[in-house]
C-alpha cells in the first residue's frame, strides 16, 4: 500500500508512457513496413549517388 501511495504522489510528468499491446501478426506487418521504408530510402540514396557519380564523370 505504501508503494502505491508514493506512486500516486509523483508529479504527472513522472508517469511512464502508455503501453500498447498488439498481436504477433500486427507486429510482423509493422516490421515489414519499417523494412520496406528503409529499403526505399536506401534505393533512393543509391539513385542520388549514381546520378552524382554520372555528373562528375562528365
N, C-alpha and C. Protein backbone atom coordinates (compact mmCIF):
# COMPACT_ATOMS: atom_id res chain seq x y z
N UNK A 1 0.83 -1.19 0.00
CA UNK A 1 0.00 0.00 0.00
C UNK A 1 0.87 1.25 0.00
N UNK A 2 1.94 1.21 0.75
CA UNK A 2 2.82 2.35 0.85
C UNK A 2 3.40 2.71 -0.52
N UNK A 3 3.77 1.70 -1.29
CA UNK A 3 4.32 1.96 -2.61
C UNK A 3 3.30 2.59 -3.54
N UNK A 4 2.06 2.19 -3.45
CA UNK A 4 1.01 2.75 -4.29
C UNK A 4 0.81 4.23 -3.96
N UNK A 5 0.83 4.57 -2.70
CA UNK A 5 0.67 5.97 -2.32
C UNK A 5 1.84 6.81 -2.81
N UNK A 6 3.03 6.28 -2.72
CA UNK A 6 4.18 7.02 -3.24
C UNK A 6 4.06 7.23 -4.74
N UNK A 7 3.57 6.23 -5.45
CA UNK A 7 3.40 6.32 -6.90
C UNK A 7 2.39 7.40 -7.25
N UNK A 8 1.31 7.49 -6.50
CA UNK A 8 0.28 8.49 -6.77
C UNK A 8 0.74 9.89 -6.43
N UNK A 9 1.71 10.03 -5.56
CA UNK A 9 2.21 11.36 -5.18
C UNK A 9 3.21 11.91 -6.19
N UNK A 10 3.68 11.08 -7.10
CA UNK A 10 4.64 11.54 -8.09
C UNK A 10 4.00 12.58 -9.01
N UNK A 11 4.79 13.55 -9.46
CA UNK A 11 4.24 14.51 -10.42
C UNK A 11 3.78 13.80 -11.69
N UNK A 12 2.89 14.42 -12.42
CA UNK A 12 2.28 13.80 -13.60
C UNK A 12 3.33 13.45 -14.67
N UNK A 13 4.38 14.27 -14.81
CA UNK A 13 5.39 14.01 -15.82
C UNK A 13 6.25 12.79 -15.49
N UNK A 14 6.16 12.28 -14.30
CA UNK A 14 6.96 11.13 -13.91
C UNK A 14 6.33 9.81 -14.35
N UNK A 15 5.06 9.83 -14.72
CA UNK A 15 4.40 8.60 -15.13
C UNK A 15 4.99 8.11 -16.44
N UNK A 16 5.01 6.84 -16.62
CA UNK A 16 5.56 6.23 -17.83
C UNK A 16 4.61 6.40 -19.00
N UNK A 17 5.16 6.26 -20.18
CA UNK A 17 4.35 6.29 -21.39
C UNK A 17 3.40 5.10 -21.38
N UNK A 18 2.27 5.25 -22.05
CA UNK A 18 1.33 4.12 -22.10
C UNK A 18 1.94 2.93 -22.84
N UNK A 19 1.50 1.77 -22.50
CA UNK A 19 1.96 0.54 -23.12
C UNK A 19 0.84 0.02 -24.03
N UNK A 20 1.20 -0.29 -25.26
CA UNK A 20 0.22 -0.82 -26.21
C UNK A 20 0.55 -2.27 -26.50
N UNK A 21 -0.48 -3.08 -26.57
CA UNK A 21 -0.32 -4.50 -26.89
C UNK A 21 -0.90 -4.75 -28.27
N UNK A 22 -0.12 -5.43 -29.11
CA UNK A 22 -0.58 -5.77 -30.44
C UNK A 22 -0.32 -7.25 -30.68
N UNK A 23 -1.01 -7.80 -31.65
CA UNK A 23 -0.86 -9.22 -31.95
C UNK A 23 0.45 -9.46 -32.71
N UNK A 24 0.84 -10.70 -32.76
CA UNK A 24 2.07 -11.06 -33.49
C UNK A 24 1.96 -10.72 -34.97
N UNK A 25 0.80 -10.94 -35.55
CA UNK A 25 0.63 -10.64 -36.97
C UNK A 25 0.74 -9.14 -37.23
N UNK A 26 0.20 -8.33 -36.33
CA UNK A 26 0.33 -6.88 -36.48
C UNK A 26 1.80 -6.46 -36.33
N UNK A 27 2.51 -7.09 -35.42
CA UNK A 27 3.92 -6.78 -35.22
C UNK A 27 4.73 -7.11 -36.47
N UNK A 28 4.46 -8.26 -37.07
CA UNK A 28 5.16 -8.64 -38.30
C UNK A 28 4.86 -7.66 -39.42
N UNK A 29 3.60 -7.21 -39.50
CA UNK A 29 3.22 -6.25 -40.53
C UNK A 29 3.96 -4.92 -40.31
N UNK A 30 4.05 -4.47 -39.08
CA UNK A 30 4.78 -3.24 -38.79
C UNK A 30 6.27 -3.38 -39.11
N UNK A 31 6.84 -4.53 -38.80
CA UNK A 31 8.25 -4.76 -39.12
C UNK A 31 8.47 -4.74 -40.63
N UNK A 32 7.55 -5.36 -41.38
CA UNK A 32 7.67 -5.35 -42.85
C UNK A 32 7.57 -3.93 -43.40
N UNK A 33 6.67 -3.13 -42.83
CA UNK A 33 6.53 -1.75 -43.28
C UNK A 33 7.80 -0.95 -43.00
N UNK A 34 8.38 -1.15 -41.83
CA UNK A 34 9.62 -0.46 -41.49
C UNK A 34 10.76 -0.89 -42.40
N UNK A 35 10.84 -2.18 -42.68
CA UNK A 35 11.89 -2.68 -43.56
C UNK A 35 11.71 -2.13 -44.98
N UNK A 36 10.47 -2.05 -45.44
CA UNK A 36 10.21 -1.52 -46.78
C UNK A 36 10.57 -0.04 -46.84
N UNK A 37 10.25 0.71 -45.81
CA UNK A 37 10.60 2.13 -45.78
C UNK A 37 12.11 2.30 -45.79
N UNK A 38 12.83 1.47 -45.04
CA UNK A 38 14.29 1.55 -45.02
C UNK A 38 14.87 1.18 -46.38
N UNK A 39 14.32 0.14 -47.01
CA UNK A 39 14.78 -0.27 -48.34
C UNK A 39 14.53 0.84 -49.36
N UNK A 40 13.36 1.47 -49.31
CA UNK A 40 13.05 2.57 -50.23
C UNK A 40 14.05 3.72 -50.04
N UNK A 41 14.39 4.00 -48.80
CA UNK A 41 15.36 5.06 -48.51
C UNK A 41 16.73 4.72 -49.08
N UNK A 42 17.15 3.48 -48.92
CA UNK A 42 18.45 3.06 -49.44
C UNK A 42 18.47 3.12 -50.97
N UNK A 43 17.39 2.67 -51.61
CA UNK A 43 17.33 2.72 -53.07
C UNK A 43 17.33 4.15 -53.58
N UNK A 44 16.64 5.04 -52.88
CA UNK A 44 16.62 6.45 -53.26
C UNK A 44 18.01 7.06 -53.12
N UNK A 45 18.69 6.72 -52.04
CA UNK A 45 20.05 7.21 -51.84
C UNK A 45 20.98 6.69 -52.92
N UNK A 46 20.81 5.45 -53.31
CA UNK A 46 21.65 4.87 -54.37
C UNK A 46 21.43 5.60 -55.69
N UNK A 47 20.16 5.91 -55.99
CA UNK A 47 19.87 6.64 -57.23
C UNK A 47 20.54 8.01 -57.22
N UNK A 48 20.47 8.69 -56.09
CA UNK A 48 21.09 10.02 -55.99
C UNK A 48 22.60 9.92 -56.11
N UNK A 49 23.20 8.91 -55.50
CA UNK A 49 24.65 8.73 -55.60
C UNK A 49 25.07 8.38 -57.02
N UNK A 50 24.29 7.53 -57.69
CA UNK A 50 24.60 7.18 -59.08
C UNK A 50 24.50 8.42 -59.98
N UNK A 51 23.49 9.25 -59.75
CA UNK A 51 23.34 10.47 -60.54
C UNK A 51 24.50 11.42 -60.28
N UNK A 52 24.93 11.54 -59.04
CA UNK A 52 26.06 12.41 -58.72
C UNK A 52 27.34 11.89 -59.35
N UNK A 53 27.52 10.58 -59.36
CA UNK A 53 28.70 9.97 -59.98
C UNK A 53 28.71 10.23 -61.48
N UNK A 54 27.55 10.12 -62.10
CA UNK A 54 27.45 10.37 -63.55
C UNK A 54 27.76 11.84 -63.86
N UNK A 55 27.29 12.74 -63.02
CA UNK A 55 27.56 14.18 -63.24
C UNK A 55 29.05 14.47 -63.12
N UNK A 56 29.71 13.81 -62.18
CA UNK A 56 31.15 14.04 -62.02
C UNK A 56 31.94 13.46 -63.18
N UNK A 57 31.44 12.40 -63.77
CA UNK A 57 32.13 11.78 -64.89
C UNK A 57 32.10 12.60 -66.16
N UNK A 58 31.14 13.50 -66.25
CA UNK A 58 31.01 14.30 -67.48
C UNK A 58 31.90 15.51 -67.48
